[in-house]
Amino acid sequence: PLTLFIFSIISMLPYGMLLSINVLRKRKELRKELTEELKQRLIQAVQLV
């Protein structure tokens, strides 16, 4: 049963990745905002060091 569970998770991973990629495509604006915010945080972190 454990191997079947692990196999089912592994077999569903590509499907889940495709779903998340499609969601990200639909939310390009949100993704741009998140990447800009992440860049700013990284810059601040580098400046602190």
Protein backbone atom coordinates (compact mmCIF):
# COMPACT_ATOMS: atom_id res chain seq x y z
CA PRO A 1 0.00 0.00 0.00
CA LEU A 2 2.83 2.43 0.77
CA THR A 3 4.47 1.92 -2.63
CA LEU A 4 1.12 2.46 -4.33
CA PHE A 5 0.66 5.70 -2.40
CA ILE A 6 4.14 6.92 -3.35
CA PHE A 7 3.60 5.94 -6.98
CA SER A 8 0.29 7.80 -7.12
CA ILE A 9 1.91 10.95 -5.72
CA ILE A 10 4.75 10.73 -8.25
CA SER A 11 2.33 10.14 -11.12
CA MET A 12 0.22 13.16 -10.10
CA LEU A 13 3.18 15.57 -9.81
CA PRO A 14 3.35 16.53 -13.52
CA TYR A 15 -0.42 17.12 -13.57
CA GLY A 16 -0.17 19.38 -10.53
CA MET A 17 2.72 21.27 -12.08
CA LEU A 18 0.74 21.82 -15.27
CA LEU A 19 -2.23 23.12 -13.28
CA SER A 20 -0.07 25.55 -11.31
CA ILE A 21 1.64 26.77 -14.50
CA ASN A 22 -1.74 27.43 -16.10
CA VAL A 23 -2.90 29.34 -13.02
CA LEU A 24 0.29 31.41 -13.09
CA ARG A 25 -0.27 32.18 -16.78
CA LYS A 26 -3.74 33.45 -16.01
CA ARG A 27 -2.40 35.61 -13.20
CA LYS A 28 0.48 37.33 -14.98
CA GLU A 29 -0.21 40.64 -13.27
CA LEU A 30 -0.15 39.07 -9.82
CA ARG A 31 3.03 37.19 -10.71
CA LYS A 32 4.73 40.41 -11.85
CA GLU A 33 3.81 42.12 -8.58
CA LEU A 34 5.15 39.19 -6.57
CA THR A 35 8.43 39.11 -8.49
CA GLU A 36 8.90 42.86 -8.07
CA GLU A 37 8.26 42.56 -4.34
CA LEU A 38 10.66 39.63 -4.10
CA LYS A 39 13.36 41.59 -5.95
CA GLN A 40 12.97 44.52 -3.57
CA ARG A 41 13.23 42.24 -0.56
CA LEU A 42 16.35 40.58 -1.97
CA ILE A 43 17.94 43.98 -2.61
CA GLN A 44 17.17 45.05 0.96
CA ALA A 45 18.61 41.81 2.33
CA VAL A 46 21.81 42.26 0.31
CA GLN A 47 22.16 45.86 1.48
CA LEU A 48 21.88 44.74 5.10
CA VAL A 49 24.79 42.35 4.61
